[in-house]
């Protein structure tokens, strides 16, 4: 009770503390108690939902709104509350308008609540139904005001509530609410019976004591039903939390497995040094890289990017690991490596594909061979890398992405390997990273990064590439990113 109402109650005590008021207090005690409990429970539920603002759980939100509104309605409908508000019988009649207004709004709030508690009802409780319930509430409130008779459509509102409950009870046997199904049905049936009994008695009954019992039963039985619904909401939250925990554990295991399939160490020899950076946008990713070492001074470097993201892409990346491992006898022929991988992957991709590039370096014969499968081109920085004007060449020899056509063929480019060359292999997460203005990082900025890092070690340059892209895209970065820098000794 607010301070103003309490003050009014105290100042009007001689008139209020009559036998009728004491009788109203006794009659309304249960309703006031339940209304207070429900209001506090509803507000607490809204507070918990607010604390869980990162969660998409809206069942707790609508449970809190519905429960709080129903509790406030119970408090406002108590006769003793009206006595405390004013001693004037005419003014006390005005308090019935907000009570009836909340009564008309409750079916709409209940429908919104049920859509969240029972997700399969989202298709059944169409938006048109919500609009009808909202429209009825508006028309009913307007009718009360026009006719100057609060509760003018009370019976129709009760009919809507009872019809909604009967539909709910009919649907419960098919609902997967588990141990709450039977209590829900029992509490719902008892509530519907109490409402019907109260309405019928108001027309045909004459005993005040029976009327008092029936009037008390309606809020009590509904509170019991609401308590079971609250248990359904809380139980659903805990169940989903447990599922999320299990999913999180499985993702952690998948993440460890994916890290395990990536090379633990980067190969190197007297003439070649490398650095790699692997940045996943989710717990697991579809980017992949690996190496084939057919000889002491021969290195084959594979970089691949699976279409899509997350767990499906990560599963296919593990298949790419198997596919590349089988190509060791062909490691010096990039075209045959890609063709062999394609044969292994075809028919197992479920509509996805893999872009890939393979670079073979032989520092005995000082030659390189390169082939691509729908992948961004290889960048080669030749000559004096200490000079800002050192040329950067794009090497592209692309065929179809892997996994689409079993008989796809690939070709490779071969050229002399110049001492002092630097190579950059990367996935499209580097060049296609977009900023807030929807601009790609692009090939020109990649080349500028190469020039700015011309005196850097491979490890420093790889870090510079990742730092510039993440600064460019910020939280908008959505694609996985892999960068491999290869330096050939001068």
Protein backbone atom coordinates (compact mmCIF):
# COMPACT_ATOMS: atom_id res chain seq x y z
CA UNK A 1 0.00 0.00 0.00
CA UNK A 2 1.47 3.40 -0.97
CA UNK A 3 2.21 6.20 1.53
CA UNK A 4 -0.66 8.35 0.15
CA UNK A 5 -3.14 5.53 0.57
CA UNK A 6 -1.80 4.80 4.06
CA UNK A 7 -2.15 8.49 4.97
CA UNK A 8 -5.68 8.50 3.62
CA UNK A 9 -6.43 5.39 5.61
CA UNK A 10 -5.12 7.00 8.84
CA UNK A 11 -6.90 10.35 8.37
CA UNK A 12 -10.18 8.63 7.60
CA UNK A 13 -9.77 6.01 10.33
CA UNK A 14 -12.93 6.95 12.25
CA UNK A 15 -15.04 6.28 9.18
CA UNK A 16 -13.05 3.40 7.76
CA UNK A 17 -12.64 1.26 10.86
CA UNK A 18 -16.22 0.15 10.79
CA UNK A 19 -17.71 -3.27 10.89
CA UNK A 20 -18.05 -3.32 7.10
CA UNK A 21 -14.36 -2.54 6.63
CA UNK A 22 -13.27 -5.16 9.13
CA UNK A 23 -15.49 -7.59 7.31
CA UNK A 24 -13.87 -6.57 4.00
CA UNK A 25 -10.42 -7.14 5.52
CA UNK A 26 -11.38 -10.64 6.56
CA UNK A 27 -12.94 -11.34 3.18
CA UNK A 28 -10.05 -9.91 1.17
CA UNK A 29 -7.17 -11.22 3.29
CA UNK A 30 -6.41 -14.18 1.02
CA UNK A 31 -6.74 -12.06 -2.13
CA UNK A 32 -4.47 -9.34 -0.77
CA UNK A 33 -1.89 -11.88 0.34
CA UNK A 34 -1.89 -13.74 -2.99
CA UNK A 35 -1.86 -10.50 -4.95
CA UNK A 36 1.16 -9.24 -3.03
CA UNK A 37 2.99 -12.55 -3.44
CA UNK A 38 2.30 -12.65 -7.19
CA UNK A 39 3.30 -9.02 -7.68
CA UNK A 40 6.59 -9.53 -5.87
CA UNK A 41 7.18 -12.78 -7.78
CA UNK A 42 6.50 -11.08 -11.10
CA UNK A 43 8.83 -8.18 -10.34
CA UNK A 44 11.52 -10.62 -9.18
CA UNK A 45 11.14 -12.60 -12.42
CA UNK A 46 11.58 -9.42 -14.44
CA UNK A 47 14.68 -8.62 -12.40
CA UNK A 48 16.16 -12.06 -13.05
CA UNK A 49 15.39 -11.70 -16.76
CA UNK A 50 17.16 -8.35 -16.74
CA UNK A 51 20.23 -9.92 -15.14
CA UNK A 52 20.16 -12.57 -17.87
CA UNK A 53 19.98 -9.93 -20.62
CA UNK A 54 22.45 -11.80 -22.82
CA UNK A 55 20.05 -14.73 -22.90
CA UNK A 56 17.33 -15.01 -25.52
CA UNK A 57 15.03 -16.61 -22.92
CA UNK A 58 11.76 -14.62 -23.04
CA UNK A 59 9.57 -17.06 -21.12
CA UNK A 60 10.78 -15.53 -17.85
CA UNK A 61 10.03 -12.04 -19.20
CA UNK A 62 6.41 -12.76 -20.05
CA UNK A 63 5.94 -14.82 -16.90
CA UNK A 64 7.06 -11.79 -14.89
CA UNK A 65 4.81 -9.36 -16.79
CA UNK A 66 1.75 -11.61 -16.61
CA UNK A 67 2.24 -12.52 -12.93
CA UNK A 68 2.89 -8.92 -11.83
CA UNK A 69 -0.16 -7.58 -13.71
CA UNK A 70 -2.36 -10.34 -12.31
CA UNK A 71 -1.09 -9.66 -8.78
CA UNK A 72 -1.71 -5.90 -9.09
CA UNK A 73 -5.21 -6.63 -10.39
CA UNK A 74 -5.92 -8.83 -7.35
CA UNK A 75 -4.79 -6.09 -4.96
CA UNK A 76 -6.78 -3.38 -6.73
CA UNK A 77 -9.93 -5.50 -6.81
CA UNK A 78 -9.96 -5.93 -3.01
CA UNK A 79 -12.77 -3.92 -1.38
CA UNK A 80 -10.58 -2.86 1.52
CA UNK A 81 -8.18 -1.23 -0.93
CA UNK A 82 -11.05 0.93 -2.20
CA UNK A 83 -12.04 1.86 1.34
CA UNK A 84 -8.46 2.93 2.03
CA UNK A 85 -8.36 5.00 -1.14
CA UNK A 86 -11.49 7.02 -0.43
CA UNK A 87 -14.50 7.09 1.82
CA UNK A 88 -16.75 8.30 -1.01
CA UNK A 89 -18.77 5.39 -2.49
CA UNK A 90 -18.90 7.12 -5.89
CA UNK A 91 -15.11 7.50 -6.02
CA UNK A 92 -14.70 3.92 -4.86
CA UNK A 93 -16.69 2.87 -7.92
CA UNK A 94 -14.09 4.58 -10.12
CA UNK A 95 -11.44 2.11 -8.89
CA UNK A 96 -13.26 -0.64 -10.75
CA UNK A 97 -12.23 0.83 -14.12
CA UNK A 98 -8.48 0.09 -13.80
CA UNK A 99 -9.32 -3.32 -12.30
CA UNK A 100 -11.47 -4.22 -15.29
CA UNK A 101 -8.93 -2.72 -17.68
CA UNK A 102 -6.24 -5.06 -16.34
CA UNK A 103 -8.73 -7.94 -16.49
CA UNK A 104 -9.30 -7.31 -20.20
CA UNK A 105 -5.54 -7.11 -20.90
CA UNK A 106 -4.66 -10.35 -19.10
CA UNK A 107 -5.81 -12.74 -21.90
CA UNK A 108 -3.42 -11.00 -24.32
CA UNK A 109 -0.54 -11.24 -21.84
CA UNK A 110 -1.45 -14.88 -21.20
CA UNK A 111 -1.32 -15.68 -24.92
CA UNK A 112 2.11 -14.04 -25.22
CA UNK A 113 3.28 -15.99 -22.19
CA UNK A 114 2.03 -19.33 -23.54
CA UNK A 115 3.80 -18.74 -26.86
CA UNK A 116 7.08 -18.64 -24.96
CA UNK A 117 6.37 -21.48 -22.52
CA UNK A 118 5.17 -23.81 -25.28
CA UNK A 119 7.24 -22.97 -28.40
CA UNK A 120 5.12 -25.19 -30.64
CA UNK A 121 2.20 -22.89 -29.87
CA UNK A 122 3.94 -20.06 -31.70
CA UNK A 123 2.46 -21.42 -34.92
CA UNK A 124 -0.98 -21.92 -33.32
CA UNK A 125 -1.28 -18.58 -31.55
CA UNK A 126 -0.97 -16.56 -34.73
CA UNK A 127 -0.32 -12.87 -34.74
CA UNK A 128 -3.96 -12.38 -35.81
CA UNK A 129 -5.10 -13.97 -32.52
CA UNK A 130 -2.90 -11.57 -30.57
CA UNK A 131 -4.33 -8.64 -32.49
CA UNK A 132 -7.88 -9.87 -31.78
CA UNK A 133 -7.16 -10.18 -28.06
CA UNK A 134 -5.56 -6.74 -28.03
CA UNK A 135 -8.47 -5.32 -30.01
CA UNK A 136 -10.98 -6.87 -27.62
CA UNK A 137 -9.16 -5.33 -24.65
CA UNK A 138 -9.28 -1.91 -26.27
CA UNK A 139 -12.97 -2.21 -27.21
CA UNK A 140 -13.90 -3.52 -23.75
CA UNK A 141 -12.12 -0.66 -21.96
CA UNK A 142 -13.79 1.87 -24.29
CA UNK A 143 -17.20 0.24 -23.76
CA UNK A 144 -16.84 0.47 -19.99
CA UNK A 145 -16.03 4.17 -20.27
CA UNK A 146 -18.83 4.93 -22.73
CA UNK A 147 -21.48 3.01 -20.78
CA UNK A 148 -20.01 4.22 -17.46
CA UNK A 149 -20.28 0.67 -16.25
CA UNK A 150 -17.00 -1.07 -15.43
CA UNK A 151 -17.12 -4.76 -16.26
CA UNK A 152 -19.71 -4.37 -19.02
CA UNK A 153 -17.98 -7.14 -21.05
CA UNK A 154 -16.79 -9.14 -18.04
CA UNK A 155 -18.77 -12.25 -18.98
CA UNK A 156 -17.41 -12.22 -22.54
CA UNK A 157 -13.90 -11.84 -21.14
CA UNK A 158 -14.50 -14.84 -18.87
CA UNK A 159 -15.70 -16.83 -21.86
CA UNK A 160 -12.50 -16.00 -23.72
CA UNK A 161 -10.40 -17.05 -20.71
CA UNK A 162 -12.27 -20.34 -20.28
CA UNK A 163 -12.02 -21.12 -24.02
CA UNK A 164 -8.29 -20.45 -23.89
CA UNK A 165 -7.87 -22.75 -20.90
CA UNK A 166 -9.86 -25.54 -22.57
CA UNK A 167 -7.63 -25.28 -25.67
CA UNK A 168 -4.55 -25.37 -23.44
CA UNK A 169 -5.76 -28.45 -21.57
CA UNK A 170 -6.57 -30.18 -24.85
CA UNK A 171 -3.06 -29.53 -26.17
CA UNK A 172 -1.20 -30.57 -23.01
CA UNK A 173 -1.20 -34.36 -23.67
CA UNK A 174 0.85 -33.74 -26.80
CA UNK A 175 3.21 -31.36 -25.09
CA UNK A 176 6.63 -32.50 -23.90
CA UNK A 177 6.37 -30.82 -20.49
CA UNK A 178 7.35 -34.11 -18.83
CA UNK A 179 6.66 -34.34 -15.11
CA UNK A 180 4.69 -31.05 -15.17
CA UNK A 181 2.04 -32.29 -17.61
CA UNK A 182 -0.22 -33.93 -15.04
CA UNK A 183 -0.05 -31.09 -12.45
CA UNK A 184 -0.78 -28.59 -15.23
CA UNK A 185 -3.88 -30.47 -16.32
CA UNK A 186 -5.17 -30.88 -12.77
CA UNK A 187 -4.55 -27.23 -11.83
CA UNK A 188 -6.09 -26.05 -15.10
CA UNK A 189 -9.22 -28.17 -14.71
CA UNK A 190 -9.71 -27.01 -11.11
CA UNK A 191 -9.36 -23.37 -12.17
CA UNK A 192 -11.85 -23.70 -15.04
CA UNK A 193 -14.35 -25.40 -12.72
CA UNK A 194 -13.95 -22.66 -10.10
CA UNK A 195 -14.53 -19.91 -12.69
CA UNK A 196 -17.60 -21.64 -14.09
CA UNK A 197 -18.97 -22.23 -10.62
CA UNK A 198 -18.45 -18.60 -9.62
CA UNK A 199 -20.17 -17.27 -12.75
CA UNK A 200 -23.12 -19.66 -12.47
CA UNK A 201 -23.57 -18.92 -8.76
CA UNK A 202 -23.61 -15.19 -9.47
CA UNK A 203 -26.76 -15.79 -11.56
CA UNK A 204 -28.57 -18.49 -9.62
CA UNK A 205 -27.10 -18.63 -6.09
CA UNK A 206 -28.26 -16.71 -3.04
CA UNK A 207 -25.94 -17.74 -0.19
CA UNK A 208 -23.37 -15.11 0.72
CA UNK A 209 -21.11 -17.66 2.39
CA UNK A 210 -21.02 -19.80 -0.76
CA UNK A 211 -20.33 -16.71 -2.87
CA UNK A 212 -17.44 -15.81 -0.58
CA UNK A 213 -15.94 -19.29 -0.92
CA UNK A 214 -16.28 -19.28 -4.72
CA UNK A 215 -14.83 -15.77 -5.01
CA UNK A 216 -11.84 -16.89 -2.95
CA UNK A 217 -11.37 -20.09 -4.92
CA UNK A 218 -10.89 -18.35 -8.27
CA UNK A 219 -7.66 -16.45 -7.36
CA UNK A 220 -6.42 -19.37 -5.25
CA UNK A 221 -6.84 -21.97 -8.00
CA UNK A 222 -5.36 -19.65 -10.60
CA UNK A 223 -2.37 -18.99 -8.35
CA UNK A 224 -1.82 -22.75 -8.13
CA UNK A 225 -2.01 -23.04 -11.91
CA UNK A 226 0.38 -20.12 -12.31
CA UNK A 227 2.79 -21.73 -9.85
CA UNK A 228 2.90 -24.88 -12.00
CA UNK A 229 3.44 -22.76 -15.11
CA UNK A 230 6.26 -20.98 -13.30
CA UNK A 231 7.79 -24.37 -12.53
CA UNK A 232 7.57 -25.19 -16.25
CA UNK A 233 9.37 -21.94 -17.11
CA UNK A 234 12.12 -22.46 -14.53
CA UNK A 235 12.44 -26.15 -15.44
CA UNK A 236 12.76 -25.21 -19.10
CA UNK A 237 15.45 -22.66 -18.29
CA UNK A 238 17.46 -25.21 -16.30
CA UNK A 239 17.01 -27.81 -19.03
CA UNK A 240 18.25 -25.41 -21.69
CA UNK A 241 21.13 -24.34 -19.47
CA UNK A 242 22.15 -27.98 -19.12
CA UNK A 243 21.91 -28.44 -22.88
CA UNK A 244 24.02 -25.32 -23.44
CA UNK A 245 26.61 -26.60 -20.98
CA UNK A 246 26.75 -29.92 -22.83
CA UNK A 247 27.04 -28.14 -26.18
CA UNK A 248 29.79 -25.94 -24.75
CA UNK A 249 31.68 -29.00 -23.53
CA UNK A 250 31.33 -30.66 -26.92
CA UNK A 251 32.55 -27.49 -28.65
CA UNK A 252 35.57 -27.39 -26.34
CA UNK A 253 36.37 -30.98 -27.27
CA UNK A 254 35.88 -30.19 -30.96
CA UNK A 255 38.15 -27.15 -30.57
CA UNK A 256 40.89 -29.30 -29.01
CA UNK A 257 40.52 -31.88 -31.76
CA UNK A 258 40.73 -29.20 -34.44
CA UNK A 259 43.86 -27.73 -32.88
CA UNK A 260 45.30 -31.24 -32.82
CA UNK A 261 44.88 -31.68 -36.60
CA UNK A 262 46.79 -28.47 -37.29
CA UNK A 263 50.60 -28.76 -37.43
CA UNK A 264 52.20 -28.47 -34.01
CA UNK A 265 55.37 -27.01 -35.51
CA UNK A 266 56.12 -25.25 -38.78
CA UNK A 267 58.68 -27.00 -40.98
CA UNK A 268 61.87 -25.19 -41.87
CA UNK A 269 65.24 -25.88 -43.46
CA UNK A 270 68.42 -23.94 -44.11
CA UNK A 271 66.74 -21.90 -46.86
CA UNK A 272 63.08 -21.60 -45.80
CA UNK A 273 61.47 -20.10 -42.70
CA UNK A 274 57.74 -19.72 -42.09
CA UNK A 275 55.13 -18.24 -39.78
CA UNK A 276 51.37 -18.92 -39.61
CA UNK A 277 48.40 -17.28 -37.94
CA UNK A 278 45.04 -18.99 -37.52
CA UNK A 279 42.07 -16.92 -36.32
CA UNK A 280 38.69 -18.65 -35.89
CA UNK A 281 35.52 -16.55 -35.64
CA UNK A 282 33.69 -19.30 -33.74
CA UNK A 283 34.78 -22.05 -31.36
CA UNK A 284 35.70 -24.16 -34.37
CA UNK A 285 36.43 -23.07 -37.91
CA UNK A 286 36.72 -24.22 -41.49
CA UNK A 287 40.19 -22.88 -42.31
CA UNK A 288 43.01 -25.39 -42.46
CA UNK A 289 46.68 -25.60 -43.34
CA UNK A 290 49.20 -28.44 -43.48
CA UNK A 291 52.56 -29.42 -44.95
CA UNK A 292 54.02 -32.28 -46.97
CA UNK A 293 57.74 -32.96 -46.63
CA UNK A 294 58.90 -35.30 -49.41
CA UNK A 295 62.59 -34.50 -48.89
CA UNK A 296 65.03 -32.58 -46.76
CA UNK A 297 64.93 -29.46 -48.93
CA UNK A 298 61.43 -29.86 -50.36
CA UNK A 299 58.35 -28.40 -48.66
CA UNK A 300 54.73 -28.58 -49.80
CA UNK A 301 52.40 -25.99 -48.22
CA UNK A 302 48.62 -26.41 -48.30
CA UNK A 303 46.11 -23.77 -47.24
CA UNK A 304 42.37 -24.47 -47.46
CA UNK A 305 39.06 -22.79 -46.65
CA UNK A 306 35.86 -24.82 -46.21
CA UNK A 307 32.62 -23.09 -47.22
CA UNK A 308 30.41 -22.16 -44.28
CA UNK A 309 31.33 -21.80 -40.64
CA UNK A 310 31.22 -23.59 -37.32
CA UNK A 311 30.99 -27.29 -36.66
CA UNK A 312 30.04 -28.45 -40.21
CA UNK A 313 33.02 -26.61 -41.70
CA UNK A 314 35.30 -27.95 -38.96
CA UNK A 315 34.22 -31.53 -39.66
CA UNK A 316 35.06 -31.12 -43.35
CA UNK A 317 38.39 -29.54 -42.39
CA UNK A 318 39.25 -32.79 -40.60
CA UNK A 319 38.43 -34.62 -43.85
CA UNK A 320 40.82 -32.28 -45.68
CA UNK A 321 43.52 -33.38 -43.21
CA UNK A 322 42.99 -37.01 -44.27
CA UNK A 323 42.88 -36.04 -47.95
CA UNK A 324 46.18 -34.13 -47.93
CA UNK A 325 47.98 -36.82 -45.91
CA UNK A 326 47.23 -39.34 -48.68
CA UNK A 327 49.02 -37.15 -51.26
CA UNK A 328 52.57 -37.44 -49.90
CA UNK A 329 53.81 -39.55 -52.90
CA UNK A 330 52.63 -36.70 -55.21
CA UNK A 331 53.94 -33.85 -53.03
CA UNK A 332 56.15 -32.37 -55.77
CA UNK A 333 53.20 -32.00 -58.20
CA UNK A 334 50.64 -29.45 -56.94
CA UNK A 335 48.16 -30.24 -59.74
CA UNK A 336 48.13 -33.94 -58.81
CA UNK A 337 47.91 -33.13 -55.10
CA UNK A 338 44.74 -31.09 -55.63
CA UNK A 339 43.26 -33.64 -58.02
CA UNK A 340 43.90 -36.44 -55.51
CA UNK A 341 42.33 -34.45 -52.69
CA UNK A 342 39.33 -33.71 -54.88
CA UNK A 343 38.76 -37.41 -55.53
CA UNK A 344 38.90 -38.16 -51.80
CA UNK A 345 36.44 -35.38 -50.90
CA UNK A 346 33.87 -35.74 -53.68
CA UNK A 347 30.64 -37.34 -52.56
CA UNK A 348 31.29 -36.62 -48.89
CA UNK A 349 30.71 -32.87 -48.69
CA UNK A 350 26.90 -32.62 -48.40
CA UNK A 351 26.77 -29.67 -50.78
CA UNK A 352 29.78 -27.82 -49.36
CA UNK A 353 33.14 -27.29 -51.02
CA UNK A 354 36.73 -26.37 -50.26
CA UNK A 355 38.92 -23.72 -51.81
CA UNK A 356 42.62 -24.58 -51.57
CA UNK A 357 46.08 -23.59 -52.71
CA UNK A 358 49.24 -25.68 -52.72
CA UNK A 359 52.78 -24.27 -52.98
CA UNK A 360 55.78 -26.56 -53.51
CA UNK A 361 59.29 -25.22 -52.87
CA UNK A 362 62.47 -27.10 -53.82
CA UNK A 363 65.65 -25.38 -52.61
CA UNK A 364 67.87 -28.07 -54.20
CA UNK A 365 66.67 -27.27 -57.70
CA UNK A 366 65.58 -23.72 -56.79
CA UNK A 367 62.13 -23.96 -58.31
CA UNK A 368 58.56 -23.46 -57.18
CA UNK A 369 55.33 -25.00 -58.34
CA UNK A 370 51.88 -23.68 -57.47
CA UNK A 371 48.27 -24.67 -58.11
CA UNK A 372 44.96 -23.40 -56.77
CA UNK A 373 41.38 -24.65 -56.46
CA UNK A 374 39.11 -21.61 -56.36
CA UNK A 375 41.45 -19.89 -53.90
CA UNK A 376 42.80 -16.31 -53.62
CA UNK A 377 46.09 -15.93 -55.50
CA UNK A 378 49.55 -16.43 -54.03
CA UNK A 379 51.48 -13.20 -53.46
CA UNK A 380 55.24 -13.18 -54.10
CA UNK A 381 57.50 -10.33 -53.02
CA UNK A 382 60.74 -10.70 -54.98
CA UNK A 383 64.17 -9.13 -55.12
CA UNK A 384 65.34 -6.77 -52.42
CA UNK A 385 62.57 -6.99 -49.80
CA UNK A 386 64.31 -4.22 -47.85
CA UNK A 387 63.30 -1.79 -50.61
CA UNK A 388 59.84 -0.22 -50.40
CA UNK A 389 59.60 -0.55 -54.17
CA UNK A 390 60.27 -4.26 -54.22
CA UNK A 391 57.76 -5.79 -56.68
CA UNK A 392 54.79 -7.87 -55.46
CA UNK A 393 53.50 -10.38 -57.98
CA UNK A 394 50.19 -12.22 -57.91
CA UNK A 395 50.39 -15.89 -58.94
CA UNK A 396 47.06 -17.43 -59.84
CA UNK A 397 46.57 -20.87 -61.37
CA UNK A 398 43.05 -21.81 -60.34
CA UNK A 399 40.77 -24.74 -61.02
CA UNK A 400 37.41 -25.71 -59.53
CA UNK A 401 37.01 -25.80 -55.74
CA UNK A 402 37.50 -29.23 -54.23
CA UNK A 403 34.58 -31.57 -53.64
CA UNK A 404 32.29 -30.45 -56.44
CA UNK A 405 33.22 -32.60 -59.45
CA UNK A 406 35.05 -35.91 -59.16
CA UNK A 407 36.75 -35.58 -62.55
CA UNK A 408 37.88 -31.96 -62.17
CA UNK A 409 41.42 -31.39 -63.44
CA UNK A 410 44.03 -28.94 -62.18
CA UNK A 411 47.13 -27.34 -63.65
CA UNK A 412 50.23 -25.94 -61.98
CA UNK A 413 52.59 -23.10 -62.74
CA UNK A 414 56.34 -23.73 -62.43
CA UNK A 415 59.06 -21.09 -62.26
CA UNK A 416 62.55 -20.53 -60.83
CA UNK A 417 62.69 -19.85 -57.11
CA UNK A 418 64.49 -16.56 -56.58
CA UNK A 419 66.60 -16.29 -53.41
CA UNK A 420 65.27 -13.62 -51.06
CA UNK A 421 61.65 -14.14 -52.13
CA UNK A 422 58.78 -13.81 -49.71
CA UNK A 423 55.42 -15.56 -50.20
CA UNK A 424 52.03 -14.88 -48.64
CA UNK A 425 49.27 -17.49 -48.64
CA UNK A 426 45.95 -16.58 -47.05
CA UNK A 427 42.24 -17.37 -46.94
CA UNK A 428 39.58 -14.95 -48.15
CA UNK A 429 38.98 -13.79 -44.56
CA UNK A 430 41.97 -11.49 -45.15
CA UNK A 431 40.85 -9.65 -48.27
CA UNK A 432 37.08 -9.86 -47.70
CA UNK A 433 37.05 -8.50 -44.15
CA UNK A 434 34.68 -5.51 -44.24
CA UNK A 435 34.47 -2.43 -42.03
CA UNK A 436 31.45 -0.43 -40.84
CA UNK A 437 31.22 1.24 -44.26
CA UNK A 438 30.99 -2.23 -45.87
CA UNK A 439 34.38 -1.80 -47.56
CA UNK A 440 36.63 -4.84 -48.05
CA UNK A 441 40.15 -4.82 -46.70
CA UNK A 442 41.09 -5.77 -50.24
CA UNK A 443 44.16 -6.79 -52.19
CA UNK A 444 45.68 -3.29 -52.23
CA UNK A 445 45.83 -3.09 -48.43
CA UNK A 446 47.34 -6.57 -48.29
CA UNK A 447 50.10 -5.42 -50.65
CA UNK A 448 50.59 -2.26 -48.60
CA UNK A 449 50.95 -4.43 -45.48
CA UNK A 450 53.59 -6.52 -47.25
CA UNK A 451 55.55 -3.41 -48.15
CA UNK A 452 55.24 -1.92 -44.66
CA UNK A 453 56.51 -5.17 -43.18
CA UNK A 454 59.28 -5.69 -45.72
CA UNK A 455 61.96 -5.68 -43.02
CA UNK A 456 59.93 -7.79 -40.59
CA UNK A 457 60.52 -11.43 -39.80
CA UNK A 458 57.84 -13.84 -41.06
CA UNK A 459 56.42 -14.04 -37.55
CA UNK A 460 56.21 -10.25 -37.24
CA UNK A 461 54.64 -9.87 -40.66
CA UNK A 462 52.01 -12.54 -39.95
CA UNK A 463 51.08 -10.69 -36.75
CA UNK A 464 50.93 -7.37 -38.64
CA UNK A 465 48.51 -8.84 -41.20
CA UNK A 466 46.13 -10.12 -38.51
CA UNK A 467 46.34 -6.92 -36.47
CA UNK A 468 45.52 -4.71 -39.44
CA UNK A 469 42.57 -6.84 -40.52
CA UNK A 470 41.08 -7.06 -37.03
CA UNK A 471 41.53 -3.29 -36.59
CA UNK A 472 39.84 -2.76 -39.96
CA UNK A 473 36.83 -5.02 -39.35
CA UNK A 474 36.59 -4.87 -35.57
CA UNK A 475 33.56 -6.77 -34.26
CA UNK A 476 32.24 -7.06 -37.83
CA UNK A 477 34.84 -9.71 -38.66
CA UNK A 478 32.75 -12.77 -39.55
CA UNK A 479 35.03 -15.02 -41.57
CA UNK A 480 37.81 -17.25 -40.35
CA UNK A 481 41.30 -16.02 -41.19
CA UNK A 482 44.54 -17.88 -41.89
CA UNK A 483 47.82 -16.31 -43.00
CA UNK A 484 51.08 -18.12 -43.88
CA UNK A 485 54.28 -16.13 -44.54
CA UNK A 486 57.19 -17.98 -46.25
CA UNK A 487 60.68 -16.51 -46.55
CA UNK A 488 63.38 -17.94 -48.80
CA UNK A 489 66.94 -17.11 -47.80
CA UNK A 490 68.89 -14.78 -50.05
